C-alpha cells in the first residue's frame, strides 16, 4: 500500500492550506527543506467497503489532533498505513543518530490518539510526487510526499507507473544507479515500533 493522504487533508501550498483533492500538477507546495516546490504528478484511488472489509491493512490510520505534539496535527489527520510521519525527539537521536526520522503511521499505533479507522466505508487515497522526496505540511503535521522506491512503484499499478516513468525515465526498469534520496532516515518497521514504545515508556511527545 502506497503512502497516501485521505480526501479532505489540508496541504500547505503557495495559496495557503488546500484540500489534497484540489491540488493540481504544477501547483507549488510548501516543503520543509526546499521551499515551494511544484507537484510533478498526482494519483488517487478509491477503495470500497468490500475491499477494506477484507483487508485491515488497507484501512486508514487516524492521527488525532495533538497526538504527535502540541497542535500537531492541528486537526485529525487520516493517512494510509504506510504513510511516513516525521518524528523529532531526543529519543530518535539516541536510536538513530539523528533527531528527525520518518516512521510509517502503522508503526505508531502504540501512541495514544493514533488508531486504525474501523468500519466498512469507502476511502479515497491521494498521493503526489515532486522532483525529489520532500516533507510537507498536512493538517499542521510534517509528513512525506511519495517516495519513488521500487516497492512504491510496484504498488502504483502499470498505468500510473508509466506516467511517472515518462516524467522520470531513470526509474524505469531500475535504471537509476541508486535509490532516490530520502528526505530523512526511513525507519524500518521494527525500529519504528521500538521508537514508538520508547516514547510511550518515557511519556514523551513524538514531535518536540
N, C-alpha and C. Protein backbone atom coordinates (compact mmCIF):
# COMPACT_ATOMS: atom_id res chain seq x y z
N UNK A 1 0.84 -1.20 0.00
CA UNK A 1 0.00 0.00 0.00
C UNK A 1 0.88 1.25 0.00
N UNK A 2 0.56 2.16 -0.89
CA UNK A 2 1.34 3.39 -1.01
C UNK A 2 1.11 4.34 0.17
N UNK A 3 2.09 5.21 0.41
CA UNK A 3 1.83 6.30 1.36
C UNK A 3 0.88 7.31 0.74
N UNK A 4 -0.27 7.52 1.36
CA UNK A 4 -1.30 8.38 0.78
C UNK A 4 -1.99 9.21 1.85
N UNK A 5 -2.57 10.32 1.39
CA UNK A 5 -3.44 11.14 2.22
C UNK A 5 -4.90 10.82 1.89
N UNK A 6 -5.77 10.91 2.88
CA UNK A 6 -7.21 10.71 2.65
C UNK A 6 -7.83 12.03 2.18
N UNK A 7 -8.83 11.91 1.32
CA UNK A 7 -9.57 13.09 0.83
C UNK A 7 -9.90 14.02 1.99
N UNK A 8 -9.72 15.30 1.77
CA UNK A 8 -10.02 16.30 2.79
C UNK A 8 -8.81 16.80 3.55
N UNK A 9 -7.67 16.08 3.43
CA UNK A 9 -6.46 16.52 4.13
C UNK A 9 -6.01 17.89 3.59
N UNK A 10 -5.66 18.78 4.49
CA UNK A 10 -5.22 20.12 4.10
C UNK A 10 -3.71 20.14 3.92
N UNK A 11 -3.28 20.47 2.70
CA UNK A 11 -1.86 20.55 2.36
C UNK A 11 -1.48 22.03 2.22
N UNK A 12 -0.37 22.42 2.83
CA UNK A 12 0.07 23.81 2.77
C UNK A 12 0.72 24.10 1.42
N UNK A 13 0.19 25.09 0.69
CA UNK A 13 0.65 25.42 -0.65
C UNK A 13 0.98 26.90 -0.75
N UNK A 14 1.36 27.31 -1.96
CA UNK A 14 1.62 28.73 -2.21
C UNK A 14 0.36 29.58 -2.01
N UNK A 15 -0.82 28.95 -2.04
CA UNK A 15 -2.08 29.65 -1.86
C UNK A 15 -2.68 29.44 -0.47
N UNK A 16 -1.89 28.87 0.44
CA UNK A 16 -2.40 28.53 1.75
C UNK A 16 -2.77 27.06 1.82
N UNK A 17 -3.52 26.69 2.84
CA UNK A 17 -3.91 25.29 3.03
C UNK A 17 -5.04 24.92 2.06
N UNK A 18 -4.80 23.88 1.26
CA UNK A 18 -5.77 23.44 0.25
C UNK A 18 -6.01 21.94 0.43
N UNK A 19 -7.26 21.51 0.27
CA UNK A 19 -7.57 20.09 0.37
C UNK A 19 -6.83 19.32 -0.71
N UNK A 20 -6.35 18.14 -0.34
CA UNK A 20 -5.48 17.38 -1.23
C UNK A 20 -6.14 17.08 -2.57
N UNK A 21 -7.46 16.88 -2.58
CA UNK A 21 -8.15 16.57 -3.83
C UNK A 21 -8.22 17.76 -4.78
N UNK A 22 -7.92 18.96 -4.26
CA UNK A 22 -7.94 20.17 -5.08
C UNK A 22 -6.56 20.51 -5.65
N UNK A 23 -5.54 19.78 -5.27
CA UNK A 23 -4.20 20.05 -5.80
C UNK A 23 -4.14 19.68 -7.28
N UNK A 24 -3.29 20.39 -8.01
CA UNK A 24 -3.11 20.11 -9.43
C UNK A 24 -1.61 20.06 -9.75
N UNK A 25 -1.28 19.36 -10.81
CA UNK A 25 0.11 19.30 -11.24
C UNK A 25 0.60 20.71 -11.56
N UNK A 26 1.81 21.03 -11.11
CA UNK A 26 2.36 22.35 -11.31
C UNK A 26 2.14 23.29 -10.13
N UNK A 27 1.13 23.00 -9.30
CA UNK A 27 0.90 23.82 -8.12
C UNK A 27 2.09 23.67 -7.17
N UNK A 28 2.49 24.77 -6.56
CA UNK A 28 3.65 24.73 -5.68
C UNK A 28 3.21 24.50 -4.23
N UNK A 29 3.85 23.53 -3.63
CA UNK A 29 3.54 23.10 -2.27
C UNK A 29 4.70 23.43 -1.36
N UNK A 30 4.40 23.86 -0.12
CA UNK A 30 5.43 24.13 0.86
C UNK A 30 6.16 22.84 1.22
N UNK A 31 7.49 22.90 1.20
CA UNK A 31 8.29 21.77 1.67
C UNK A 31 9.24 22.24 2.74
N UNK A 32 9.54 21.35 3.65
CA UNK A 32 10.38 21.69 4.80
C UNK A 32 11.79 22.12 4.37
N UNK A 33 12.34 21.44 3.39
CA UNK A 33 13.74 21.62 3.06
C UNK A 33 14.00 22.53 1.85
N UNK A 34 13.05 22.61 0.94
CA UNK A 34 13.31 23.28 -0.33
C UNK A 34 12.26 24.30 -0.72
N UNK A 35 11.59 24.87 0.28
CA UNK A 35 10.63 25.92 0.00
C UNK A 35 9.46 25.43 -0.85
N UNK A 36 8.93 26.29 -1.69
CA UNK A 36 7.81 25.92 -2.55
C UNK A 36 8.31 25.10 -3.73
N UNK A 37 7.72 23.92 -3.89
CA UNK A 37 8.11 23.01 -4.97
C UNK A 37 6.89 22.61 -5.80
N UNK A 38 7.01 22.57 -7.14
CA UNK A 38 5.87 22.21 -7.98
C UNK A 38 5.58 20.71 -7.93
N UNK A 39 4.31 20.38 -7.90
CA UNK A 39 3.89 18.99 -7.98
C UNK A 39 4.12 18.49 -9.40
N UNK A 40 4.78 17.35 -9.53
CA UNK A 40 5.04 16.79 -10.85
C UNK A 40 3.99 15.78 -11.27
N UNK A 41 3.37 15.11 -10.30
CA UNK A 41 2.39 14.06 -10.62
C UNK A 41 1.48 13.85 -9.41
N UNK A 42 0.21 13.57 -9.68
CA UNK A 42 -0.77 13.27 -8.63
C UNK A 42 -1.54 12.01 -9.03
N UNK A 43 -1.79 11.16 -8.07
CA UNK A 43 -2.60 9.97 -8.31
C UNK A 43 -3.61 9.79 -7.19
N UNK A 44 -4.66 9.03 -7.45
CA UNK A 44 -5.66 8.75 -6.42
C UNK A 44 -6.26 7.38 -6.67
N UNK A 45 -6.88 6.85 -5.63
CA UNK A 45 -7.51 5.54 -5.73
C UNK A 45 -8.62 5.45 -4.70
N UNK A 46 -9.77 4.95 -5.12
CA UNK A 46 -10.90 4.74 -4.22
C UNK A 46 -10.93 3.27 -3.81
N UNK A 47 -10.99 3.02 -2.53
CA UNK A 47 -11.15 1.66 -2.00
C UNK A 47 -12.54 1.56 -1.38
N UNK A 48 -13.34 0.66 -1.91
CA UNK A 48 -14.70 0.50 -1.42
C UNK A 48 -14.78 -0.30 -0.14
N UNK A 49 -15.97 -0.34 0.48
CA UNK A 49 -16.12 -1.06 1.75
C UNK A 49 -15.83 -2.55 1.63
N UNK A 50 -16.07 -3.13 0.45
CA UNK A 50 -15.80 -4.55 0.28
C UNK A 50 -14.31 -4.84 0.42
N UNK A 51 -13.49 -4.01 -0.25
CA UNK A 51 -12.04 -4.21 -0.18
C UNK A 51 -11.53 -3.97 1.23
N UNK A 52 -11.96 -2.88 1.85
CA UNK A 52 -11.49 -2.56 3.20
C UNK A 52 -11.95 -3.59 4.21
N UNK A 53 -13.16 -4.12 4.00
CA UNK A 53 -13.69 -5.12 4.92
C UNK A 53 -12.91 -6.42 4.87
N UNK A 54 -12.24 -6.66 3.75
CA UNK A 54 -11.48 -7.91 3.58
C UNK A 54 -10.00 -7.75 3.91
N UNK A 55 -9.56 -6.51 4.06
CA UNK A 55 -8.12 -6.29 4.29
C UNK A 55 -7.91 -5.13 5.25
N UNK A 56 -7.69 -5.45 6.51
CA UNK A 56 -7.47 -4.41 7.52
C UNK A 56 -6.21 -3.59 7.24
N UNK A 57 -5.26 -4.17 6.49
CA UNK A 57 -4.00 -3.48 6.21
C UNK A 57 -4.17 -2.29 5.30
N UNK A 58 -5.35 -2.14 4.69
CA UNK A 58 -5.61 -1.02 3.79
C UNK A 58 -6.39 0.10 4.47
N UNK A 59 -6.86 -0.15 5.68
CA UNK A 59 -7.68 0.85 6.37
C UNK A 59 -6.83 2.04 6.81
N UNK A 60 -7.39 3.25 6.75
CA UNK A 60 -6.62 4.44 7.13
C UNK A 60 -6.23 4.42 8.60
N UNK A 61 -5.16 5.13 8.88
CA UNK A 61 -4.73 5.39 10.25
C UNK A 61 -5.14 6.82 10.60
N UNK A 62 -5.81 6.97 11.75
CA UNK A 62 -6.22 8.30 12.20
C UNK A 62 -5.24 8.80 13.26
N UNK A 63 -4.68 9.96 13.00
CA UNK A 63 -3.80 10.62 13.97
C UNK A 63 -4.59 11.80 14.52
N UNK A 64 -5.06 11.68 15.72
CA UNK A 64 -5.95 12.70 16.28
C UNK A 64 -5.19 14.00 16.56
N UNK A 65 -5.92 15.10 16.57
CA UNK A 65 -5.34 16.41 16.82
C UNK A 65 -4.50 16.38 18.09
N UNK A 66 -3.25 16.83 17.99
CA UNK A 66 -2.36 16.88 19.15
C UNK A 66 -1.68 15.58 19.51
N UNK A 67 -1.91 14.50 18.75
CA UNK A 67 -1.34 13.20 19.12
C UNK A 67 0.17 13.14 18.93
N UNK A 68 0.70 13.97 18.04
CA UNK A 68 2.14 13.95 17.78
C UNK A 68 2.91 14.91 18.69
N UNK A 69 2.24 15.98 19.09
CA UNK A 69 2.86 17.03 19.90
C UNK A 69 1.89 18.19 20.00
N UNK A 70 2.36 19.31 20.49
CA UNK A 70 1.49 20.47 20.67
C UNK A 70 0.93 20.93 19.32
N UNK A 71 -0.38 20.84 19.19
CA UNK A 71 -1.08 21.27 17.98
C UNK A 71 -0.60 20.54 16.72
N UNK A 72 -0.11 19.32 16.88
CA UNK A 72 0.34 18.52 15.74
C UNK A 72 -0.29 17.13 15.78
N UNK A 73 -1.16 16.81 14.83
CA UNK A 73 -1.69 17.73 13.83
C UNK A 73 -2.67 18.73 14.47
N UNK A 74 -3.01 19.76 13.69
CA UNK A 74 -3.94 20.78 14.21
C UNK A 74 -5.37 20.27 14.21
N UNK A 75 -5.66 19.28 13.37
CA UNK A 75 -6.93 18.57 13.38
C UNK A 75 -6.66 17.15 12.95
N UNK A 76 -7.63 16.26 13.17
CA UNK A 76 -7.39 14.84 12.88
C UNK A 76 -6.85 14.66 11.46
N UNK A 77 -5.80 13.83 11.35
CA UNK A 77 -5.15 13.54 10.08
C UNK A 77 -5.34 12.06 9.76
N UNK A 78 -5.84 11.76 8.56
CA UNK A 78 -6.02 10.39 8.12
C UNK A 78 -5.08 10.09 6.96
N UNK A 79 -4.30 9.03 7.11
CA UNK A 79 -3.34 8.64 6.08
C UNK A 79 -3.38 7.12 5.91
N UNK A 80 -2.77 6.64 4.83
CA UNK A 80 -2.67 5.20 4.64
C UNK A 80 -1.65 4.64 5.64
N UNK A 81 -1.72 3.33 5.92
CA UNK A 81 -0.84 2.75 6.94
C UNK A 81 0.64 2.94 6.68
N UNK A 82 1.05 2.98 5.40
CA UNK A 82 2.47 3.09 5.07
C UNK A 82 2.97 4.53 5.01
N UNK A 83 2.07 5.49 5.16
CA UNK A 83 2.48 6.88 5.05
C UNK A 83 3.38 7.25 6.21
N UNK A 84 4.53 7.82 5.91
CA UNK A 84 5.52 8.10 6.95
C UNK A 84 5.30 9.48 7.57
N UNK A 85 5.45 9.52 8.88
CA UNK A 85 5.25 10.71 9.69
C UNK A 85 6.61 11.14 10.25
N UNK A 86 6.86 12.44 10.27
CA UNK A 86 8.13 12.91 10.83
C UNK A 86 8.08 12.87 12.35
N UNK A 87 9.06 12.19 12.94
CA UNK A 87 9.23 12.16 14.39
C UNK A 87 10.51 12.94 14.71
N UNK A 88 10.41 13.84 15.67
CA UNK A 88 11.57 14.65 16.06
C UNK A 88 11.70 14.64 17.58
N UNK A 89 12.75 14.00 18.08
CA UNK A 89 12.90 13.88 19.53
C UNK A 89 14.32 13.46 19.89
N UNK A 90 14.66 13.62 21.17
CA UNK A 90 15.97 13.16 21.62
C UNK A 90 16.03 11.64 21.68
N UNK A 91 14.88 10.98 21.76
CA UNK A 91 14.85 9.52 21.71
C UNK A 91 15.27 9.05 20.32
N UNK A 92 14.76 9.72 19.28
CA UNK A 92 15.17 9.39 17.91
C UNK A 92 16.67 9.61 17.75
N UNK A 93 17.18 10.68 18.34
CA UNK A 93 18.62 10.97 18.26
C UNK A 93 19.43 9.83 18.87
N UNK A 94 19.00 9.33 20.02
CA UNK A 94 19.72 8.25 20.68
C UNK A 94 19.64 6.94 19.89
N UNK A 95 18.51 6.70 19.20
CA UNK A 95 18.33 5.45 18.48
C UNK A 95 18.94 5.46 17.09
N UNK A 96 18.86 6.61 16.41
CA UNK A 96 19.24 6.66 15.00
C UNK A 96 20.42 7.59 14.71
N UNK A 97 20.86 8.36 15.70
CA UNK A 97 21.95 9.28 15.46
C UNK A 97 21.51 10.55 14.75
N UNK A 98 20.21 10.76 14.66
CA UNK A 98 19.63 11.97 14.10
C UNK A 98 18.31 12.22 14.80
N UNK A 99 17.99 13.49 15.03
CA UNK A 99 16.78 13.74 15.82
C UNK A 99 15.50 13.73 15.00
N UNK A 100 15.60 13.60 13.67
CA UNK A 100 14.41 13.53 12.82
C UNK A 100 14.43 12.28 11.97
N UNK A 101 13.37 11.49 12.07
CA UNK A 101 13.23 10.27 11.26
C UNK A 101 11.80 10.18 10.74
N UNK A 102 11.62 9.44 9.69
CA UNK A 102 10.29 9.20 9.12
C UNK A 102 9.85 7.79 9.47
N UNK A 103 8.65 7.68 10.05
CA UNK A 103 8.13 6.40 10.54
C UNK A 103 6.74 6.17 9.96
N UNK A 104 6.50 4.97 9.45
CA UNK A 104 5.18 4.64 8.90
C UNK A 104 4.11 4.77 9.98
N UNK A 105 2.96 5.32 9.59
CA UNK A 105 1.88 5.56 10.56
C UNK A 105 1.49 4.28 11.30
N UNK A 106 1.49 3.14 10.60
CA UNK A 106 1.05 1.90 11.24
C UNK A 106 1.99 1.44 12.35
N UNK A 107 3.21 1.97 12.37
CA UNK A 107 4.15 1.61 13.43
C UNK A 107 3.97 2.47 14.68
N UNK A 108 3.06 3.43 14.61
CA UNK A 108 2.86 4.35 15.73
C UNK A 108 1.56 4.09 16.49
N UNK A 109 0.97 2.93 16.27
CA UNK A 109 -0.35 2.64 16.87
C UNK A 109 -0.29 2.51 18.39
N UNK A 110 0.90 2.37 18.95
CA UNK A 110 1.01 2.31 20.41
C UNK A 110 0.79 3.68 21.04
N UNK A 111 0.88 4.73 20.25
CA UNK A 111 0.76 6.09 20.75
C UNK A 111 -0.71 6.45 20.99
N UNK A 112 -1.02 7.02 22.13
CA UNK A 112 -2.39 7.43 22.41
C UNK A 112 -2.84 8.47 21.39
N UNK A 113 -4.02 8.24 20.83
CA UNK A 113 -4.55 9.17 19.84
C UNK A 113 -4.26 8.76 18.41
N UNK A 114 -3.56 7.64 18.22
CA UNK A 114 -3.29 7.12 16.88
C UNK A 114 -3.92 5.73 16.78
N UNK A 115 -4.85 5.55 15.85
CA UNK A 115 -5.56 4.28 15.75
C UNK A 115 -6.00 4.01 14.32
N UNK A 116 -6.43 2.78 14.09
CA UNK A 116 -6.95 2.39 12.78
C UNK A 116 -8.42 2.77 12.69
N UNK A 117 -8.82 3.32 11.56
CA UNK A 117 -10.22 3.68 11.33
C UNK A 117 -10.99 2.41 11.03
N UNK A 118 -11.95 2.08 11.87
CA UNK A 118 -12.73 0.87 11.68
C UNK A 118 -14.03 1.19 10.94
N UNK A 119 -14.72 0.13 10.53
CA UNK A 119 -15.97 0.32 9.80
C UNK A 119 -15.77 0.13 8.30
N UNK A 120 -16.76 -0.43 7.65
CA UNK A 120 -16.67 -0.71 6.22
C UNK A 120 -17.20 0.48 5.42
N UNK A 121 -16.35 1.48 5.26
CA UNK A 121 -16.72 2.66 4.49
C UNK A 121 -15.69 2.87 3.40
N UNK A 122 -16.10 3.52 2.32
CA UNK A 122 -15.17 3.79 1.23
C UNK A 122 -14.17 4.87 1.65
N UNK A 123 -12.97 4.80 1.10
CA UNK A 123 -11.95 5.81 1.36
C UNK A 123 -11.26 6.13 0.04
N UNK A 124 -10.95 7.40 -0.16
CA UNK A 124 -10.21 7.81 -1.34
C UNK A 124 -8.84 8.31 -0.91
N UNK A 125 -7.81 7.65 -1.45
CA UNK A 125 -6.43 7.98 -1.13
C UNK A 125 -5.82 8.82 -2.25
N UNK A 126 -5.00 9.81 -1.88
CA UNK A 126 -4.29 10.65 -2.83
C UNK A 126 -2.80 10.63 -2.52
N UNK A 127 -1.98 10.62 -3.57
CA UNK A 127 -0.53 10.73 -3.39
C UNK A 127 0.02 11.66 -4.46
N UNK A 128 1.08 12.37 -4.12
CA UNK A 128 1.67 13.29 -5.10
C UNK A 128 3.19 13.24 -5.02
N UNK A 129 3.78 13.65 -6.14
CA UNK A 129 5.20 13.45 -6.35
C UNK A 129 5.87 14.77 -6.74
N UNK A 130 7.06 14.99 -6.18
CA UNK A 130 7.90 16.13 -6.56
C UNK A 130 9.13 15.60 -7.31
N UNK A 131 10.02 16.51 -7.65
CA UNK A 131 11.28 16.08 -8.26
C UNK A 131 12.09 15.22 -7.32
N UNK A 132 11.86 15.37 -6.02
CA UNK A 132 12.56 14.56 -5.03
C UNK A 132 11.63 14.36 -3.84
N UNK A 133 12.03 13.45 -2.99
CA UNK A 133 11.28 13.15 -1.78
C UNK A 133 11.29 14.38 -0.88
N UNK A 134 10.12 14.79 -0.39
CA UNK A 134 10.02 16.00 0.40
C UNK A 134 9.17 15.77 1.65
N UNK A 135 9.33 16.66 2.61
CA UNK A 135 8.46 16.71 3.79
C UNK A 135 7.50 17.87 3.60
N UNK A 136 6.21 17.59 3.73
CA UNK A 136 5.18 18.60 3.52
C UNK A 136 4.36 18.77 4.79
N UNK A 137 3.53 19.80 4.81
CA UNK A 137 2.69 20.09 5.97
C UNK A 137 1.26 19.65 5.66
N UNK A 138 0.77 18.71 6.45
CA UNK A 138 -0.57 18.15 6.23
C UNK A 138 -1.36 18.23 7.54
N UNK A 139 -2.44 19.03 7.52
CA UNK A 139 -3.21 19.29 8.74
C UNK A 139 -2.28 19.73 9.88
N UNK A 140 -1.25 20.49 9.52
CA UNK A 140 -0.33 21.02 10.52
C UNK A 140 0.76 20.08 10.97
N UNK A 141 0.81 18.86 10.42
CA UNK A 141 1.84 17.89 10.79
C UNK A 141 2.78 17.67 9.61
N UNK A 142 4.04 17.39 9.91
CA UNK A 142 5.02 17.15 8.85
C UNK A 142 5.03 15.68 8.47
N UNK A 143 4.76 15.42 7.19
CA UNK A 143 4.70 14.06 6.66
C UNK A 143 5.39 14.04 5.30
N UNK A 144 5.49 12.87 4.70
CA UNK A 144 6.25 12.73 3.46
C UNK A 144 5.39 12.87 2.21
N UNK A 145 6.07 13.22 1.11
CA UNK A 145 5.48 13.08 -0.22
C UNK A 145 5.76 11.66 -0.70
N UNK A 146 5.31 11.33 -1.90
CA UNK A 146 5.53 9.98 -2.43
C UNK A 146 7.02 9.73 -2.63
N UNK A 147 7.48 8.60 -2.12
CA UNK A 147 8.87 8.18 -2.29
C UNK A 147 8.93 7.13 -3.39
N UNK A 148 9.75 7.37 -4.41
CA UNK A 148 9.75 6.51 -5.60
C UNK A 148 10.72 5.35 -5.48
N UNK A 149 10.72 4.68 -4.35
CA UNK A 149 11.48 3.44 -4.22
C UNK A 149 10.79 2.33 -4.99
N UNK A 150 11.48 1.21 -5.23
CA UNK A 150 10.91 0.12 -6.04
C UNK A 150 9.58 -0.42 -5.53
N UNK A 151 9.43 -0.56 -4.21
CA UNK A 151 8.17 -1.09 -3.67
C UNK A 151 7.01 -0.16 -3.96
N UNK A 152 7.23 1.14 -3.80
CA UNK A 152 6.17 2.11 -4.07
C UNK A 152 5.77 2.08 -5.53
N UNK A 153 6.73 2.01 -6.42
CA UNK A 153 6.43 2.00 -7.85
C UNK A 153 5.64 0.75 -8.25
N UNK A 154 6.00 -0.38 -7.67
CA UNK A 154 5.25 -1.61 -7.97
C UNK A 154 3.81 -1.51 -7.50
N UNK A 155 3.59 -0.84 -6.38
CA UNK A 155 2.25 -0.74 -5.82
C UNK A 155 1.36 0.20 -6.62
N UNK A 156 1.93 1.06 -7.43
CA UNK A 156 1.15 2.05 -8.17
C UNK A 156 0.27 1.43 -9.25
N UNK A 157 0.72 0.33 -9.83
CA UNK A 157 -0.01 -0.23 -10.97
C UNK A 157 0.60 0.28 -12.27
N UNK A 158 0.35 -0.43 -13.38
CA UNK A 158 1.05 -0.12 -14.64
C UNK A 158 0.75 1.25 -15.23
N UNK A 159 -0.50 1.69 -15.18
CA UNK A 159 -0.84 2.97 -15.80
C UNK A 159 -0.17 4.14 -15.08
N UNK A 160 -0.30 4.17 -13.76
CA UNK A 160 0.31 5.26 -13.00
C UNK A 160 1.83 5.19 -13.08
N UNK A 161 2.38 3.97 -13.04
CA UNK A 161 3.83 3.82 -13.14
C UNK A 161 4.34 4.37 -14.46
N UNK A 162 3.60 4.10 -15.54
CA UNK A 162 4.03 4.59 -16.85
C UNK A 162 4.06 6.11 -16.90
N UNK A 163 3.09 6.75 -16.25
CA UNK A 163 3.09 8.21 -16.19
C UNK A 163 4.34 8.73 -15.49
N UNK A 164 4.70 8.08 -14.39
CA UNK A 164 5.87 8.50 -13.63
C UNK A 164 7.15 8.22 -14.41
N UNK A 165 7.21 7.07 -15.10
CA UNK A 165 8.40 6.76 -15.88
C UNK A 165 8.60 7.75 -17.03
N UNK A 166 7.50 8.29 -17.55
CA UNK A 166 7.61 9.30 -18.59
C UNK A 166 8.26 10.56 -18.05
N UNK A 167 7.91 10.91 -16.81
CA UNK A 167 8.50 12.08 -16.16
C UNK A 167 9.92 11.82 -15.68
N UNK A 168 10.14 10.60 -15.19
CA UNK A 168 11.44 10.25 -14.61
C UNK A 168 11.92 8.94 -15.25
N UNK A 169 12.43 9.00 -16.47
CA UNK A 169 12.80 7.77 -17.19
C UNK A 169 13.87 6.95 -16.49
N UNK A 170 14.66 7.58 -15.63
CA UNK A 170 15.71 6.84 -14.93
C UNK A 170 15.15 5.81 -13.96
N UNK A 171 13.86 5.95 -13.63
CA UNK A 171 13.24 5.00 -12.70
C UNK A 171 12.77 3.72 -13.40
N UNK A 172 12.64 3.76 -14.72
CA UNK A 172 12.13 2.60 -15.46
C UNK A 172 13.12 1.44 -15.38
N UNK A 173 12.60 0.29 -15.08
CA UNK A 173 13.39 -0.95 -15.03
C UNK A 173 14.62 -0.84 -14.12
N UNK A 174 14.49 0.05 -13.12
CA UNK A 174 15.59 0.16 -12.17
C UNK A 174 16.88 0.68 -12.78
N UNK A 175 16.76 1.51 -13.83
CA UNK A 175 17.97 2.01 -14.48
C UNK A 175 18.67 3.10 -13.68
N UNK A 176 18.00 3.63 -12.66
CA UNK A 176 18.68 4.60 -11.79
C UNK A 176 19.85 3.90 -11.10
N UNK A 177 20.95 4.61 -10.95
CA UNK A 177 22.15 3.99 -10.39
C UNK A 177 22.03 3.72 -8.89
N UNK A 178 21.09 4.40 -8.23
CA UNK A 178 20.91 4.18 -6.80
C UNK A 178 19.49 4.59 -6.41
N UNK A 179 19.09 4.21 -5.21
CA UNK A 179 17.76 4.57 -4.73
C UNK A 179 17.62 6.08 -4.61
N UNK A 180 16.39 6.59 -4.78
CA UNK A 180 16.19 8.02 -4.58
C UNK A 180 16.61 8.43 -3.17
N UNK A 181 17.07 9.66 -3.04
CA UNK A 181 17.48 10.17 -1.74
C UNK A 181 16.24 10.46 -0.91
N UNK A 182 16.18 9.89 0.29
CA UNK A 182 15.05 10.13 1.17
C UNK A 182 15.22 11.46 1.90
N UNK A 183 14.12 12.12 2.19
CA UNK A 183 14.16 13.41 2.87
C UNK A 183 14.73 13.29 4.28
N UNK A 184 14.50 12.16 4.92
CA UNK A 184 15.03 11.86 6.24
C UNK A 184 15.29 10.35 6.31
N UNK A 185 15.95 9.93 7.37
CA UNK A 185 16.15 8.49 7.57
C UNK A 185 14.80 7.79 7.63
N UNK A 186 14.67 6.68 6.90
CA UNK A 186 13.42 5.91 6.87
C UNK A 186 13.55 4.75 7.86
N UNK A 187 12.82 4.83 8.94
CA UNK A 187 12.89 3.79 9.96
C UNK A 187 12.26 2.51 9.46
N UNK A 188 12.89 1.37 9.73
CA UNK A 188 12.28 0.08 9.41
C UNK A 188 11.07 -0.14 10.31
N UNK A 189 10.25 -1.13 9.97
CA UNK A 189 9.08 -1.42 10.79
C UNK A 189 9.44 -1.73 12.22
N UNK A 190 10.44 -2.58 12.40
CA UNK A 190 10.82 -2.98 13.77
C UNK A 190 11.33 -1.79 14.56
N UNK A 191 12.18 -0.98 13.93
CA UNK A 191 12.75 0.16 14.65
C UNK A 191 11.71 1.25 14.87
N UNK A 192 10.76 1.39 13.93
CA UNK A 192 9.69 2.36 14.11
C UNK A 192 8.82 2.02 15.31
N UNK A 193 8.49 0.72 15.44
CA UNK A 193 7.69 0.28 16.58
C UNK A 193 8.46 0.47 17.89
N UNK A 194 9.75 0.16 17.86
CA UNK A 194 10.57 0.32 19.05
C UNK A 194 10.64 1.79 19.46
N UNK A 195 10.74 2.67 18.48
CA UNK A 195 10.76 4.11 18.75
C UNK A 195 9.46 4.54 19.43
N UNK A 196 8.33 4.07 18.90
CA UNK A 196 7.03 4.43 19.48
C UNK A 196 6.93 3.93 20.93
N UNK A 197 7.36 2.70 21.17
CA UNK A 197 7.30 2.13 22.52
C UNK A 197 8.13 2.96 23.50
N UNK A 198 9.30 3.37 23.07
CA UNK A 198 10.16 4.15 23.96
C UNK A 198 9.55 5.52 24.27
N UNK A 199 8.85 6.10 23.32
CA UNK A 199 8.17 7.37 23.59
C UNK A 199 7.05 7.17 24.62
N UNK A 200 6.32 6.07 24.48
CA UNK A 200 5.26 5.77 25.44
C UNK A 200 5.85 5.56 26.83
N UNK A 201 6.90 4.76 26.91
CA UNK A 201 7.52 4.44 28.20
C UNK A 201 8.06 5.69 28.90
N UNK A 202 8.54 6.63 28.11
CA UNK A 202 9.13 7.84 28.68
C UNK A 202 8.17 9.02 28.73
N UNK A 203 6.92 8.79 28.27
CA UNK A 203 5.93 9.85 28.30
C UNK A 203 6.32 11.07 27.48
N UNK A 204 7.00 10.85 26.35
CA UNK A 204 7.48 11.95 25.53
C UNK A 204 6.68 12.05 24.23
N UNK A 205 6.46 13.26 23.77
CA UNK A 205 5.76 13.50 22.51
C UNK A 205 6.64 13.08 21.34
N UNK A 206 6.02 12.68 20.24
CA UNK A 206 6.76 12.28 19.06
C UNK A 206 7.44 13.46 18.36
N UNK A 207 6.87 14.63 18.52
CA UNK A 207 7.47 15.83 17.94
C UNK A 207 7.73 16.83 19.07
N UNK A 208 8.99 17.14 19.28
CA UNK A 208 9.37 18.02 20.38
C UNK A 208 10.06 19.28 19.86
